Amino acid sequence: MIKLIAQIVNIFPGDGKHPYARTGELGFWHLKKVGATGVILGHSEVNEPPEIVNKKLIAAFNEGLEDNVVLLGESWEELGKSWAQCSNSEKEKVKRLVKERFLKILENINKNIVRFTIFGYEPGWAVRGSGKENVPSPGVEQITASADLLRETISELYTEEIAQKIKIIYGGSSSPRKPKK
């Protein structure tokens, strides 16, 4: 089965305008009109704060778009060096930052929304075009630690059963090539 998922949606939170009158922007009406069943939220390139991702996720679900993907991760400035070079305390600091973002995204999100949502670890620095092309992509250890963090947070907020059933993906670039020096 193939599903159409949009890369972005704009709900203009709080501007008081009609949600379907959006010249130059994609609103839920537009997405539904072409058959989209979901939207990707939290792209590192878009750099939306977690509070906006939260509002968009709730709005998407309320508009009948259930196949949503939420991406989150850390910036290079927050990581500062490769995961392998980080001390355990540095790794824990980065994980705390990601968890804080995730908790803001999940604020007031009910379990039905969580069950339908795919969550993804996408560190902004690991996306090609980010200006960090010479930095190695995250390795298995880092991706696994981040996925485990997302699953543990879901378990804490909802249930272990929900946490085990949700899909978690990696949303950044990957490459077998070594970075240029």
Protein backbone atom coordinates (compact mmCIF):
# COMPACT_ATOMS: atom_id res chain seq x y z
CA MET A 1 0.00 0.00 0.00
CA ILE A 2 1.32 3.42 -0.92
CA LYS A 3 0.34 6.45 1.14
CA LEU A 4 0.81 10.11 0.31
CA ILE A 5 2.49 11.97 3.17
CA ALA A 6 3.20 15.71 3.00
CA GLN A 7 6.55 17.13 3.99
CA ILE A 8 5.07 20.17 5.71
CA VAL A 9 1.83 21.78 6.75
CA ASN A 10 1.19 25.22 8.13
CA ILE A 11 -1.55 25.82 10.66
CA PHE A 12 -0.60 29.43 11.43
CA PRO A 13 -1.23 28.90 15.14
CA GLY A 14 -2.97 31.80 16.78
CA ASP A 15 -3.32 34.15 13.80
CA GLY A 16 -7.12 33.96 13.77
CA LYS A 17 -7.36 33.45 10.00
CA HIS A 18 -9.53 30.82 8.38
CA PRO A 19 -7.52 27.56 8.17
CA TYR A 20 -8.34 27.02 4.48
CA ALA A 21 -7.40 30.49 3.21
CA ARG A 22 -3.68 30.00 2.79
CA THR A 23 -2.20 31.45 -0.37
CA GLY A 24 1.34 30.21 -0.81
CA GLU A 25 1.17 27.75 2.07
CA LEU A 26 -0.09 24.21 2.45
CA GLY A 27 -2.93 23.77 4.87
CA PHE A 28 -4.80 20.65 5.92
CA TRP A 29 -7.52 21.31 3.35
CA HIS A 30 -4.93 21.23 0.56
CA LEU A 31 -3.36 18.02 1.81
CA LYS A 32 -6.66 16.23 2.17
CA LYS A 33 -7.79 17.43 -1.26
CA VAL A 34 -4.87 15.60 -2.93
CA GLY A 35 -5.29 12.48 -0.81
CA ALA A 36 -2.56 12.92 1.79
CA THR A 37 -3.05 10.81 4.88
CA GLY A 38 -0.37 12.40 7.03
CA VAL A 39 2.43 14.90 7.35
CA ILE A 40 6.07 14.84 8.42
CA LEU A 41 6.64 17.19 11.34
CA GLY A 42 9.80 18.39 13.02
CA HIS A 43 12.18 18.41 10.06
CA SER A 44 15.53 19.72 11.23
CA GLU A 45 15.67 21.95 8.13
CA VAL A 46 12.39 23.66 9.08
CA ASN A 47 13.60 24.18 12.67
CA GLU A 48 10.14 24.42 14.23
CA PRO A 49 10.05 24.56 18.01
CA PRO A 50 8.59 21.50 19.76
CA GLU A 51 5.52 23.49 20.79
CA ILE A 52 4.62 24.09 17.12
CA VAL A 53 5.25 20.43 16.24
CA ASN A 54 2.89 19.56 19.09
CA LYS A 55 0.15 21.87 17.78
CA LYS A 56 0.55 20.58 14.25
CA LEU A 57 0.41 16.94 15.36
CA ILE A 58 -2.81 17.52 17.30
CA ALA A 59 -4.30 19.53 14.42
CA ALA A 60 -3.30 16.93 11.82
CA PHE A 61 -4.95 14.15 13.79
CA ASN A 62 -8.06 16.28 14.41
CA GLU A 63 -8.23 16.96 10.66
CA GLY A 64 -8.25 13.23 9.94
CA LEU A 65 -4.58 12.85 8.98
CA GLU A 66 -3.40 9.87 11.00
CA ASP A 67 -0.23 8.75 9.22
CA ASN A 68 2.08 11.34 10.74
CA VAL A 69 5.82 11.24 11.31
CA VAL A 70 7.46 13.31 14.04
CA LEU A 71 11.21 13.89 13.81
CA LEU A 72 13.50 15.26 16.49
CA GLY A 73 17.13 15.29 17.50
CA GLU A 74 20.00 17.50 18.57
CA SER A 75 21.96 20.17 16.74
CA TRP A 76 25.71 19.93 16.12
CA GLU A 77 26.25 22.77 18.58
CA GLU A 78 24.56 20.64 21.25
CA LEU A 79 26.56 17.52 20.39
CA GLY A 80 29.86 19.18 19.46
CA LYS A 81 31.74 16.06 18.38
CA SER A 82 31.10 12.53 17.27
CA TRP A 83 29.17 10.28 19.65
CA ALA A 84 32.19 8.01 20.01
CA GLN A 85 34.25 10.97 21.27
CA CYS A 86 31.63 12.03 23.84
CA SER A 87 31.99 11.09 27.47
CA ASN A 88 29.08 9.36 29.19
CA SER A 89 28.08 12.65 30.85
CA GLU A 90 28.13 14.46 27.48
CA LYS A 91 25.95 11.73 25.98
CA GLU A 92 23.52 11.99 28.90
CA LYS A 93 23.34 15.78 28.46
CA VAL A 94 22.40 15.39 24.78
CA LYS A 95 19.85 12.70 25.64
CA ARG A 96 18.29 15.04 28.24
CA LEU A 97 17.97 17.79 25.60
CA VAL A 98 16.28 15.43 23.15
CA LYS A 99 13.97 14.10 25.87
CA GLU A 100 12.97 17.65 26.88
CA ARG A 101 12.02 18.36 23.26
CA PHE A 102 10.12 15.10 23.04
CA LEU A 103 8.17 15.84 26.22
CA LYS A 104 7.14 19.23 24.79
CA ILE A 105 6.04 17.58 21.56
CA LEU A 106 3.98 15.03 23.49
CA GLU A 107 2.31 17.53 25.82
CA ASN A 108 -1.47 16.95 25.80
CA ILE A 109 -1.11 14.27 23.12
CA ASN A 110 -3.44 11.38 23.83
CA LYS A 111 -2.54 7.73 23.40
CA ASN A 112 -4.63 7.39 20.23
CA ILE A 113 -2.47 9.96 18.45
CA VAL A 114 0.72 8.29 19.72
CA ARG A 115 -0.41 4.87 18.49
CA PHE A 116 -0.75 6.15 14.93
CA THR A 117 2.39 8.30 14.88
CA ILE A 118 5.81 7.23 13.65
CA PHE A 119 8.61 8.87 15.61
CA GLY A 120 12.06 9.44 14.21
CA TYR A 121 15.47 10.45 15.40
CA GLU A 122 16.81 13.10 13.01
CA PRO A 123 19.77 15.09 14.30
CA GLY A 124 19.97 18.34 12.35
CA TRP A 125 23.67 17.99 11.69
CA ALA A 126 23.24 14.56 10.09
CA VAL A 127 21.06 15.82 7.25
CA ARG A 128 23.01 16.38 4.06
CA GLY A 129 22.92 20.03 3.14
CA SER A 130 23.26 20.97 6.81
CA GLY A 131 26.80 22.22 6.30
CA LYS A 132 28.19 19.27 8.25
CA GLU A 133 29.00 17.02 5.31
CA ASN A 134 32.48 16.34 6.73
CA VAL A 135 31.04 14.98 9.96
CA PRO A 136 30.38 11.22 10.06
CA SER A 137 26.72 10.19 10.11
CA PRO A 138 25.49 8.85 13.44
CA GLY A 139 26.47 5.28 14.05
CA VAL A 140 24.38 2.37 15.25
CA GLU A 141 25.15 3.09 18.92
CA GLN A 142 23.93 6.68 18.72
CA ILE A 143 20.83 5.86 16.67
CA THR A 144 19.96 2.97 18.98
CA ALA A 145 20.45 5.10 22.12
CA SER A 146 18.18 7.78 20.67
CA ALA A 147 15.51 5.30 19.57
CA ASP A 148 15.62 3.68 23.02
CA LEU A 149 15.19 7.11 24.61
CA LEU A 150 12.07 7.79 22.51
CA ARG A 151 10.60 4.38 23.32
CA GLU A 152 11.36 4.75 27.06
CA THR A 153 9.70 8.17 27.11
CA ILE A 154 6.57 6.76 25.44
CA SER A 155 6.54 3.97 28.03
CA GLU A 156 6.82 6.47 30.89
CA LEU A 157 4.03 8.71 29.57
CA TYR A 158 1.67 6.07 28.19
CA THR A 159 2.19 2.32 28.55
CA GLU A 160 4.87 -0.24 27.83
CA GLU A 161 2.49 -1.91 25.36
CA ILE A 162 2.13 1.32 23.34
CA ALA A 163 5.89 1.90 23.55
CA GLN A 164 6.63 -1.53 22.11
CA LYS A 165 4.14 -1.17 19.26
CA ILE A 166 5.10 2.27 17.94
CA LYS A 167 7.41 2.63 14.99
CA ILE A 168 10.67 4.50 15.46
CA ILE A 169 12.85 5.38 12.49
CA TYR A 170 16.11 7.16 11.76
CA GLY A 171 15.51 10.27 9.65
CA GLY A 172 19.00 11.58 8.94
CA SER A 173 21.46 10.81 6.19
CA SER A 174 23.64 7.75 6.17
CA SER A 175 26.57 6.84 4.06
CA PRO A 176 29.24 4.15 3.95
CA ARG A 177 31.71 6.83 2.84
CA LYS A 178 34.18 8.28 5.25
CA PRO A 179 34.05 12.07 5.66
CA LYS A 180 36.51 14.20 3.74
CA LYS A 181 39.27 15.70 5.84
